[in-house]
PDB file of N, CA and C in Angstrom:
ATOM      1  N   MET A   1      57.060  -7.939 -70.111  1.00  0.00           N
ATOM      2  CA  MET A   1      56.354  -8.845 -69.214  1.00  0.00           C
ATOM      3  C   MET A   1      56.326 -10.240 -69.846  1.00  0.00           C
ATOM      4  N   VAL A   2      56.857 -11.201 -69.165  1.00  0.00           N
ATOM      5  CA  VAL A   2      56.901 -12.557 -69.696  1.00  0.00           C
ATOM      6  C   VAL A   2      55.912 -13.493 -69.003  1.00  0.00           C
ATOM      7  N   GLN A   3      55.243 -13.023 -67.983  1.00  0.00           N
ATOM      8  CA  GLN A   3      54.324 -13.887 -67.237  1.00  0.00           C
ATOM      9  C   GLN A   3      53.246 -14.475 -68.143  1.00  0.00           C
ATOM     10  N   ASP A   4      52.719 -13.675 -69.058  1.00  0.00           N
ATOM     11  CA  ASP A   4      51.689 -14.183 -69.958  1.00  0.00           C
ATOM     12  C   ASP A   4      52.224 -15.311 -70.841  1.00  0.00           C
ATOM     13  N   GLU A   5      53.475 -15.206 -71.253  1.00  0.00           N
ATOM     14  CA  GLU A   5      54.074 -16.244 -72.080  1.00  0.00           C
ATOM     15  C   GLU A   5      54.307 -17.526 -71.278  1.00  0.00           C
ATOM     16  N   LEU A   6      54.673 -17.370 -70.017  1.00  0.00           N
ATOM     17  CA  LEU A   6      54.864 -18.549 -69.160  1.00  0.00           C
ATOM     18  C   LEU A   6      53.541 -19.267 -68.927  1.00  0.00           C
ATOM     19  N   ILE A   7      52.477 -18.509 -68.711  1.00  0.00           N
ATOM     20  CA  ILE A   7      51.153 -19.117 -68.520  1.00  0.00           C
ATOM     21  C   ILE A   7      50.721 -19.822 -69.807  1.00  0.00           C
ATOM     22  N   TRP A   8      50.876 -19.143 -70.934  1.00  0.00           N
ATOM     23  CA  TRP A   8      50.525 -19.708 -72.238  1.00  0.00           C
ATOM     24  C   TRP A   8      51.234 -21.054 -72.437  1.00  0.00           C
ATOM     25  N   ALA A   9      52.526 -21.082 -72.171  1.00  0.00           N
ATOM     26  CA  ALA A   9      53.302 -22.313 -72.326  1.00  0.00           C
ATOM     27  C   ALA A   9      52.869 -23.379 -71.328  1.00  0.00           C
ATOM     28  N   ALA A  10      52.638 -22.977 -70.088  1.00  0.00           N
ATOM     29  CA  ALA A  10      52.237 -23.944 -69.059  1.00  0.00           C
ATOM     30  C   ALA A  10      50.898 -24.582 -69.385  1.00  0.00           C
ATOM     31  N   VAL A  11      49.975 -23.811 -69.931  1.00  0.00           N
ATOM     32  CA  VAL A  11      48.668 -24.373 -70.302  1.00  0.00           C
ATOM     33  C   VAL A  11      48.846 -25.427 -71.389  1.00  0.00           C
ATOM     34  N   TRP A  12      49.598 -25.088 -72.434  1.00  0.00           N
ATOM     35  CA  TRP A  12      49.818 -26.059 -73.507  1.00  0.00           C
ATOM     36  C   TRP A  12      50.556 -27.295 -73.001  1.00  0.00           C
ATOM     37  N   LEU A  13      51.536 -27.096 -72.140  1.00  0.00           N
ATOM     38  CA  LEU A  13      52.271 -28.236 -71.600  1.00  0.00           C
ATOM     39  C   LEU A  13      51.382 -29.094 -70.704  1.00  0.00           C
ATOM     40  N   PHE A  14      50.497 -28.456 -69.936  1.00  0.00           N
ATOM     41  CA  PHE A  14      49.573 -29.224 -69.101  1.00  0.00           C
ATOM     42  C   PHE A  14      48.614 -30.033 -69.967  1.00  0.00           C
ATOM     43  N   VAL A  15      48.099 -29.412 -71.023  1.00  0.00           N
ATOM     44  CA  VAL A  15      47.190 -30.125 -71.925  1.00  0.00           C
ATOM     45  C   VAL A  15      47.913 -31.321 -72.554  1.00  0.00           C
ATOM     46  N   ALA A  16      49.151 -31.123 -72.945  1.00  0.00           N
ATOM     47  CA  ALA A  16      49.902 -32.181 -73.616  1.00  0.00           C
ATOM     48  C   ALA A  16      50.347 -33.293 -72.684  1.00  0.00           C
ATOM     49  N   THR A  17      50.687 -32.943 -71.434  1.00  0.00           N
ATOM     50  CA  THR A  17      51.294 -33.936 -70.543  1.00  0.00           C
ATOM     51  C   THR A  17      50.413 -34.331 -69.362  1.00  0.00           C
ATOM     52  N   GLY A  18      49.524 -33.419 -68.940  1.00  0.00           N
ATOM     53  CA  GLY A  18      48.709 -33.688 -67.759  1.00  0.00           C
ATOM     54  C   GLY A  18      49.479 -33.590 -66.453  1.00  0.00           C
ATOM     55  N   ARG A  19      50.695 -33.072 -66.502  1.00  0.00           N
ATOM     56  CA  ARG A  19      51.526 -33.011 -65.286  1.00  0.00           C
ATOM     57  C   ARG A  19      50.971 -31.986 -64.300  1.00  0.00           C
ATOM     58  N   GLU A  20      50.928 -32.396 -63.053  1.00  0.00           N
ATOM     59  CA  GLU A  20      50.371 -31.564 -61.989  1.00  0.00           C
ATOM     60  C   GLU A  20      51.194 -30.312 -61.708  1.00  0.00           C
ATOM     61  N   ASP A  21      52.498 -30.340 -61.955  1.00  0.00           N
ATOM     62  CA  ASP A  21      53.307 -29.152 -61.693  1.00  0.00           C
ATOM     63  C   ASP A  21      52.927 -28.009 -62.632  1.00  0.00           C
ATOM     64  N   TYR A  22      52.533 -28.325 -63.877  1.00  0.00           N
ATOM     65  CA  TYR A  22      52.051 -27.274 -64.778  1.00  0.00           C
ATOM     66  C   TYR A  22      50.714 -26.734 -64.305  1.00  0.00           C
ATOM     67  N   LYS A  23      49.858 -27.627 -63.857  1.00  0.00           N
ATOM     68  CA  LYS A  23      48.552 -27.210 -63.345  1.00  0.00           C
ATOM     69  C   LYS A  23      48.726 -26.302 -62.132  1.00  0.00           C
ATOM     70  N   ALA A  24      49.634 -26.652 -61.237  1.00  0.00           N
ATOM     71  CA  ALA A  24      49.887 -25.834 -60.049  1.00  0.00           C
ATOM     72  C   ALA A  24      50.425 -24.456 -60.431  1.00  0.00           C
ATOM     73  N   PHE A  25      51.290 -24.408 -61.435  1.00  0.00           N
ATOM     74  CA  PHE A  25      51.819 -23.122 -61.889  1.00  0.00           C
ATOM     75  C   PHE A  25      50.707 -22.252 -62.454  1.00  0.00           C
ATOM     76  N   ILE A  26      49.824 -22.841 -63.245  1.00  0.00           N
ATOM     77  CA  ILE A  26      48.715 -22.099 -63.841  1.00  0.00           C
ATOM     78  C   ILE A  26      47.813 -21.528 -62.757  1.00  0.00           C
ATOM     79  N   ALA A  27      47.558 -22.307 -61.722  1.00  0.00           N
ATOM     80  CA  ALA A  27      46.662 -21.883 -60.651  1.00  0.00           C
ATOM     81  C   ALA A  27      47.340 -20.996 -59.607  1.00  0.00           C
ATOM     82  N   GLY A  28      48.642 -20.770 -59.749  1.00  0.00           N
ATOM     83  CA  GLY A  28      49.399 -20.003 -58.759  1.00  0.00           C
ATOM     84  C   GLY A  28      48.975 -18.552 -58.638  1.00  0.00           C
ATOM     85  N   ASP A  29      49.377 -17.950 -57.550  1.00  0.00           N
ATOM     86  CA  ASP A  29      49.068 -16.544 -57.289  1.00  0.00           C
ATOM     87  C   ASP A  29      49.649 -15.649 -58.372  1.00  0.00           C
ATOM     88  N   GLY A  30      48.879 -14.669 -58.776  1.00  0.00           N
ATOM     89  CA  GLY A  30      49.348 -13.683 -59.733  1.00  0.00           C
ATOM     90  C   GLY A  30      49.308 -14.125 -61.183  1.00  0.00           C
ATOM     91  N   ASN A  31      48.711 -15.273 -61.446  1.00  0.00           N
ATOM     92  CA  ASN A  31      48.676 -15.770 -62.808  1.00  0.00           C
ATOM     93  C   ASN A  31      47.338 -15.546 -63.498  1.00  0.00           C
ATOM     94  N   GLY A  32      46.470 -14.730 -62.902  1.00  0.00           N
ATOM     95  CA  GLY A  32      45.146 -14.516 -63.484  1.00  0.00           C
ATOM     96  C   GLY A  32      45.146 -13.630 -64.698  1.00  0.00           C
ATOM     97  N   GLY A  33      46.034 -12.667 -64.745  1.00  0.00           N
ATOM     98  CA  GLY A  33      46.105 -11.791 -65.899  1.00  0.00           C
ATOM     99  C   GLY A  33      45.077 -10.688 -65.919  1.00  0.00           C
ATOM    100  N   GLY A  34      44.156 -10.707 -64.961  1.00  0.00           N
ATOM    101  CA  GLY A  34      43.138  -9.667 -64.939  1.00  0.00           C
ATOM    102  C   GLY A  34      42.158  -9.808 -66.088  1.00  0.00           C
ATOM    103  N   VAL A  35      41.364  -8.775 -66.291  1.00  0.00           N
ATOM    104  CA  VAL A  35      40.395  -8.772 -67.374  1.00  0.00           C
ATOM    105  C   VAL A  35      41.101  -8.329 -68.648  1.00  0.00           C
ATOM    106  N   GLN A  36      41.039  -9.159 -69.655  1.00  0.00           N
ATOM    107  CA  GLN A  36      41.701  -8.875 -70.929  1.00  0.00           C
ATOM    108  C   GLN A  36      40.665  -8.789 -72.039  1.00  0.00           C
ATOM    109  N   SER A  37      40.931  -7.966 -73.027  1.00  0.00           N
ATOM    110  CA  SER A  37      39.981  -7.839 -74.133  1.00  0.00           C
ATOM    111  C   SER A  37      40.603  -8.160 -75.481  1.00  0.00           C
ATOM    112  N   THR A  38      41.916  -8.320 -75.541  1.00  0.00           N
ATOM    113  CA  THR A  38      42.553  -8.619 -76.817  1.00  0.00           C
ATOM    114  C   THR A  38      43.626  -9.684 -76.658  1.00  0.00           C
ATOM    115  N   LEU A  39      43.803 -10.424 -77.729  1.00  0.00           N
ATOM    116  CA  LEU A  39      44.890 -11.402 -77.813  1.00  0.00           C
ATOM    117  C   LEU A  39      45.831 -10.909 -78.899  1.00  0.00           C
ATOM    118  N   SER A  40      47.097 -10.821 -78.579  1.00  0.00           N
ATOM    119  CA  SER A  40      48.081 -10.397 -79.562  1.00  0.00           C
ATOM    120  C   SER A  40      49.391 -11.115 -79.284  1.00  0.00           C
ATOM    121  N   TRP A  41      50.389 -10.858 -80.110  1.00  0.00           N
ATOM    122  CA  TRP A  41      51.694 -11.455 -79.890  1.00  0.00           C
ATOM    123  C   TRP A  41      52.305 -10.979 -78.584  1.00  0.00           C
ATOM    124  N   ASP A  42      51.916  -9.790 -78.142  1.00  0.00           N
ATOM    125  CA  ASP A  42      52.481  -9.224 -76.924  1.00  0.00           C
ATOM    126  C   ASP A  42      51.684  -9.537 -75.668  1.00  0.00           C
ATOM    127  N   LYS A  43      50.423  -9.917 -75.821  1.00  0.00           N
ATOM    128  CA  LYS A  43      49.559 -10.180 -74.666  1.00  0.00           C
ATOM    129  C   LYS A  43      48.829 -11.504 -74.885  1.00  0.00           C
ATOM    130  N   LYS A  44      49.239 -12.502 -74.135  1.00  0.00           N
ATOM    131  CA  LYS A  44      48.674 -13.839 -74.326  1.00  0.00           C
ATOM    132  C   LYS A  44      47.768 -14.301 -73.192  1.00  0.00           C
ATOM    133  N   PHE A  45      47.515 -13.433 -72.216  1.00  0.00           N
ATOM    134  CA  PHE A  45      46.673 -13.852 -71.096  1.00  0.00           C
ATOM    135  C   PHE A  45      45.280 -14.283 -71.557  1.00  0.00           C
ATOM    136  N   LEU A  46      44.689 -13.561 -72.488  1.00  0.00           N
ATOM    137  CA  LEU A  46      43.350 -13.911 -72.965  1.00  0.00           C
ATOM    138  C   LEU A  46      43.353 -15.298 -73.596  1.00  0.00           C
ATOM    139  N   GLY A  47      44.353 -15.573 -74.409  1.00  0.00           N
ATOM    140  CA  GLY A  47      44.464 -16.894 -75.014  1.00  0.00           C
ATOM    141  C   GLY A  47      44.682 -17.985 -73.983  1.00  0.00           C
ATOM    142  N   ALA A  48      45.511 -17.699 -72.999  1.00  0.00           N
ATOM    143  CA  ALA A  48      45.757 -18.674 -71.936  1.00  0.00           C
ATOM    144  C   ALA A  48      44.480 -18.931 -71.134  1.00  0.00           C
ATOM    145  N   GLN A  49      43.721 -17.873 -70.868  1.00  0.00           N
ATOM    146  CA  GLN A  49      42.463 -18.037 -70.138  1.00  0.00           C
ATOM    147  C   GLN A  49      41.478 -18.884 -70.935  1.00  0.00           C
ATOM    148  N   ALA A  50      41.421 -18.665 -72.244  1.00  0.00           N
ATOM    149  CA  ALA A  50      40.542 -19.473 -73.092  1.00  0.00           C
ATOM    150  C   ALA A  50      40.990 -20.928 -73.111  1.00  0.00           C
ATOM    151  N   LEU A  51      42.294 -21.161 -73.186  1.00  0.00           N
ATOM    152  CA  LEU A  51      42.815 -22.525 -73.161  1.00  0.00           C
ATOM    153  C   LEU A  51      42.500 -23.222 -71.844  1.00  0.00           C
ATOM    154  N   VAL A  52      42.635 -22.498 -70.738  1.00  0.00           N
ATOM    155  CA  VAL A  52      42.318 -23.080 -69.432  1.00  0.00           C
ATOM    156  C   VAL A  52      40.844 -23.470 -69.375  1.00  0.00           C
ATOM    157  N   ALA A  53      39.982 -22.605 -69.872  1.00  0.00           N
ATOM    158  CA  ALA A  53      38.546 -22.916 -69.874  1.00  0.00           C
ATOM    159  C   ALA A  53      38.265 -24.154 -70.715  1.00  0.00           C
ATOM    160  N   LYS A  54      38.853 -24.226 -71.888  1.00  0.00           N
ATOM    161  CA  LYS A  54      38.639 -25.376 -72.769  1.00  0.00           C
ATOM    162  C   LYS A  54      39.240 -26.643 -72.174  1.00  0.00           C
ATOM    163  N   ALA A  55      40.436 -26.541 -71.615  1.00  0.00           N
ATOM    164  CA  ALA A  55      41.074 -27.706 -70.997  1.00  0.00           C
ATOM    165  C   ALA A  55      40.274 -28.178 -69.791  1.00  0.00           C
ATOM    166  N   SER A  56      39.759 -27.253 -69.006  1.00  0.00           N
ATOM    167  CA  SER A  56      38.957 -27.616 -67.836  1.00  0.00           C
ATOM    168  C   SER A  56      37.705 -28.369 -68.255  1.00  0.00           C
ATOM    169  N   GLU A  57      37.087 -27.891 -69.319  1.00  0.00           N
ATOM    170  CA  GLU A  57      35.891 -28.546 -69.847  1.00  0.00           C
ATOM    171  C   GLU A  57      36.221 -29.969 -70.300  1.00  0.00           C
ATOM    172  N   HIS A  58      37.320 -30.116 -71.007  1.00  0.00           N
ATOM    173  CA  HIS A  58      37.730 -31.415 -71.509  1.00  0.00           C
ATOM    174  C   HIS A  58      38.144 -32.343 -70.373  1.00  0.00           C
ATOM    175  N   LEU A  59      38.933 -31.838 -69.433  1.00  0.00           N
ATOM    176  CA  LEU A  59      39.430 -32.659 -68.338  1.00  0.00           C
ATOM    177  C   LEU A  59      38.322 -33.115 -67.410  1.00  0.00           C
ATOM    178  N   ALA A  60      37.260 -32.336 -67.314  1.00  0.00           N
ATOM    179  CA  ALA A  60      36.143 -32.713 -66.457  1.00  0.00           C
ATOM    180  C   ALA A  60      35.453 -33.976 -66.961  1.00  0.00           C
ATOM    181  N   THR A  61      35.578 -34.264 -68.262  1.00  0.00           N
ATOM    182  CA  THR A  61      34.935 -35.440 -68.824  1.00  0.00           C
ATOM    183  C   THR A  61      35.811 -36.683 -68.727  1.00  0.00           C
ATOM    184  N   LEU A  62      37.068 -36.511 -68.329  1.00  0.00           N
ATOM    185  CA  LEU A  62      37.978 -37.646 -68.231  1.00  0.00           C
ATOM    186  C   LEU A  62      38.001 -38.207 -66.822  1.00  0.00           C
ATOM    187  N   ASP A  63      38.253 -39.479 -66.711  1.00  0.00           N
ATOM    188  CA  ASP A  63      38.376 -40.114 -65.403  1.00  0.00           C
ATOM    189  C   ASP A  63      39.847 -40.164 -65.035  1.00  0.00           C
ATOM    190  N   LEU A  64      40.338 -39.058 -64.424  1.00  0.00           N
ATOM    191  CA  LEU A  64      41.763 -38.987 -64.080  1.00  0.00           C
ATOM    192  C   LEU A  64      42.000 -39.333 -62.637  1.00  0.00           C
TER     193      LEU A  64
END
């Protein structure tokens, strides 16, 4: 399954660039990852979800 890796990369790319196409990909259907309890090399959805939460918090304070 590579979807978790694509989300992980898209989150980092969105944080780095602010490009809307990455944001749209992150918010797309089927990208939620469900409820996760572990982060590992094989499962990155939990990490991506944490990054989205942190990025959302940070972006909310910016005047974009």
